[in-house]
Amino acid sequence: MFYTYILYSLKDNKLYKGYTSDLRKRVAEHNNGCISSTKYRRPLELIYFEGCLSDMDAKRREKYLKSGNGKIYLKNRLKYYFENNQN
């Protein structure tokens, strides 16, 4: 199983999108500072993930979620998360 995931930075209030075959391990790596792109954005919270049977499907989904239409999709999909977690 492969996963496309969204992390929310509690430091800068921005999203990080990625994919992995081991979701728990990858989120721990992000929060332990092992990933350079999120090292200074910790703490991070896993707010969304999708499972895929193929690594190519997960990569393609990650690319879509990073696109303009993907950002609109996430804004609508996670609407209640952001409404309930405003600072």
C-alpha atoms as a PDB file:
ATOM      1  CA  MET A   1       0.000   0.000   0.000  1.00  0.00           C
ATOM      2  CA  PHE A   2       1.185   3.534  -0.814  1.00  0.00           C
ATOM      3  CA  TYR A   3      -0.099   6.715   0.741  1.00  0.00           C
ATOM      4  CA  THR A   4      -0.510  10.308  -0.315  1.00  0.00           C
ATOM      5  CA  TYR A   5      -0.592  12.489   2.785  1.00  0.00           C
ATOM      6  CA  ILE A   6      -1.025  16.062   3.961  1.00  0.00           C
ATOM      7  CA  LEU A   7       0.793  17.493   6.965  1.00  0.00           C
ATOM      8  CA  TYR A   8      -0.167  20.758   8.623  1.00  0.00           C
ATOM      9  CA  SER A   9       2.588  22.870  10.155  1.00  0.00           C
ATOM     10  CA  LEU A  10       1.546  24.226  13.537  1.00  0.00           C
ATOM     11  CA  LYS A  11       4.451  26.685  13.254  1.00  0.00           C
ATOM     12  CA  ASP A  12       3.723  28.401   9.928  1.00  0.00           C
ATOM     13  CA  ASN A  13       0.130  27.186   9.269  1.00  0.00           C
ATOM     14  CA  LYS A  14       1.067  25.778   5.851  1.00  0.00           C
ATOM     15  CA  LEU A  15       0.495  22.390   4.269  1.00  0.00           C
ATOM     16  CA  TYR A  16       3.063  19.839   3.140  1.00  0.00           C
ATOM     17  CA  LYS A  17       2.065  17.171   0.615  1.00  0.00           C
ATOM     18  CA  GLY A  18       3.927  13.919   0.075  1.00  0.00           C
ATOM     19  CA  TYR A  19       3.677  10.200  -0.591  1.00  0.00           C
ATOM     20  CA  THR A  20       5.182   7.124   1.044  1.00  0.00           C
ATOM     21  CA  SER A  21       4.862   3.382   1.491  1.00  0.00           C
ATOM     22  CA  ASP A  22       5.135   3.621   5.297  1.00  0.00           C
ATOM     23  CA  LEU A  23       2.929   6.422   6.590  1.00  0.00           C
ATOM     24  CA  ARG A  24       3.690   6.116  10.316  1.00  0.00           C
ATOM     25  CA  LYS A  25       7.436   6.031   9.741  1.00  0.00           C
ATOM     26  CA  ARG A  26       7.343   8.975   7.324  1.00  0.00           C
ATOM     27  CA  VAL A  27       5.294  11.194   9.659  1.00  0.00           C
ATOM     28  CA  ALA A  28       7.710  10.351  12.497  1.00  0.00           C
ATOM     29  CA  GLU A  29      10.663  11.275  10.244  1.00  0.00           C
ATOM     30  CA  HIS A  30       9.050  14.634   9.502  1.00  0.00           C
ATOM     31  CA  ASN A  31       8.408  15.356  13.180  1.00  0.00           C
ATOM     32  CA  ASN A  32      11.902  14.212  14.227  1.00  0.00           C
ATOM     33  CA  GLY A  33      13.513  16.697  11.825  1.00  0.00           C
ATOM     34  CA  CYS A  34      14.901  14.068   9.442  1.00  0.00           C
ATOM     35  CA  ILE A  35      13.272  15.630   6.358  1.00  0.00           C
ATOM     36  CA  SER A  36      14.960  18.844   5.216  1.00  0.00           C
ATOM     37  CA  SER A  37      11.845  20.372   3.635  1.00  0.00           C
ATOM     38  CA  THR A  38       9.918  20.275   6.924  1.00  0.00           C
ATOM     39  CA  LYS A  39      12.745  20.385   9.465  1.00  0.00           C
ATOM     40  CA  TYR A  40      12.094  23.998  10.446  1.00  0.00           C
ATOM     41  CA  ARG A  41       8.300  23.776  10.163  1.00  0.00           C
ATOM     42  CA  ARG A  42       7.740  21.457  13.128  1.00  0.00           C
ATOM     43  CA  PRO A  43       5.559  20.426  14.850  1.00  0.00           C
ATOM     44  CA  LEU A  44       3.544  18.847  12.053  1.00  0.00           C
ATOM     45  CA  GLU A  45       0.154  17.217  12.246  1.00  0.00           C
ATOM     46  CA  LEU A  46      -1.120  14.544   9.846  1.00  0.00           C
ATOM     47  CA  ILE A  47      -4.487  15.908   8.725  1.00  0.00           C
ATOM     48  CA  TYR A  48      -5.299  13.808   5.628  1.00  0.00           C
ATOM     49  CA  PHE A  49      -4.180  10.697   3.778  1.00  0.00           C
ATOM     50  CA  GLU A  50      -5.321   8.464   0.944  1.00  0.00           C
ATOM     51  CA  GLY A  51      -4.292   4.890   0.211  1.00  0.00           C
ATOM     52  CA  CYS A  52      -3.283   3.640  -3.243  1.00  0.00           C
ATOM     53  CA  LEU A  53      -2.347   0.161  -4.423  1.00  0.00           C
ATOM     54  CA  SER A  54       0.275   1.460  -6.842  1.00  0.00           C
ATOM     55  CA  ASP A  55       3.217   3.738  -6.153  1.00  0.00           C
ATOM     56  CA  MET A  56       2.620   5.477  -9.501  1.00  0.00           C
ATOM     57  CA  ASP A  57      -0.975   6.254  -8.509  1.00  0.00           C
ATOM     58  CA  ALA A  58       0.213   7.750  -5.195  1.00  0.00           C
ATOM     59  CA  LYS A  59       2.832   9.883  -6.994  1.00  0.00           C
ATOM     60  CA  ARG A  60       0.257  11.078  -9.502  1.00  0.00           C
ATOM     61  CA  ARG A  61      -2.184  11.931  -6.717  1.00  0.00           C
ATOM     62  CA  GLU A  62       0.510  13.881  -4.845  1.00  0.00           C
ATOM     63  CA  LYS A  63       1.269  15.859  -8.008  1.00  0.00           C
ATOM     64  CA  TYR A  64      -2.441  16.615  -8.449  1.00  0.00           C
ATOM     65  CA  LEU A  65      -2.839  17.793  -4.836  1.00  0.00           C
ATOM     66  CA  LYS A  66       0.067  20.212  -5.382  1.00  0.00           C
ATOM     67  CA  SER A  67      -1.631  21.694  -8.481  1.00  0.00           C
ATOM     68  CA  GLY A  68      -4.100  24.578  -8.512  1.00  0.00           C
ATOM     69  CA  ASN A  69      -7.106  22.269  -8.834  1.00  0.00           C
ATOM     70  CA  GLY A  70      -5.695  20.013  -6.133  1.00  0.00           C
ATOM     71  CA  LYS A  71      -5.384  22.942  -3.735  1.00  0.00           C
ATOM     72  CA  ILE A  72      -9.031  23.827  -4.400  1.00  0.00           C
ATOM     73  CA  TYR A  73      -9.997  20.187  -3.790  1.00  0.00           C
ATOM     74  CA  LEU A  74      -8.134  20.142  -0.448  1.00  0.00           C
ATOM     75  CA  LYS A  75      -9.635  23.461   0.631  1.00  0.00           C
ATOM     76  CA  ASN A  76     -13.122  22.015   0.071  1.00  0.00           C
ATOM     77  CA  ARG A  77     -12.281  18.562   1.426  1.00  0.00           C
ATOM     78  CA  LEU A  78     -10.739  19.900   4.642  1.00  0.00           C
ATOM     79  CA  LYS A  79     -13.128  22.826   5.077  1.00  0.00           C
ATOM     80  CA  TYR A  80     -14.394  21.756   8.505  1.00  0.00           C
ATOM     81  CA  TYR A  81     -10.887  20.993   9.785  1.00  0.00           C
ATOM     82  CA  PHE A  82      -9.791  24.544   9.066  1.00  0.00           C
ATOM     83  CA  GLU A  83     -13.003  26.089  10.370  1.00  0.00           C
ATOM     84  CA  ASN A  84     -12.675  24.234  13.680  1.00  0.00           C
ATOM     85  CA  ASN A  85      -8.925  24.818  14.109  1.00  0.00           C
ATOM     86  CA  GLN A  86      -8.602  28.541  13.508  1.00  0.00           C
ATOM     87  CA  ASN A  87      -6.129  30.278  15.797  1.00  0.00           C
END
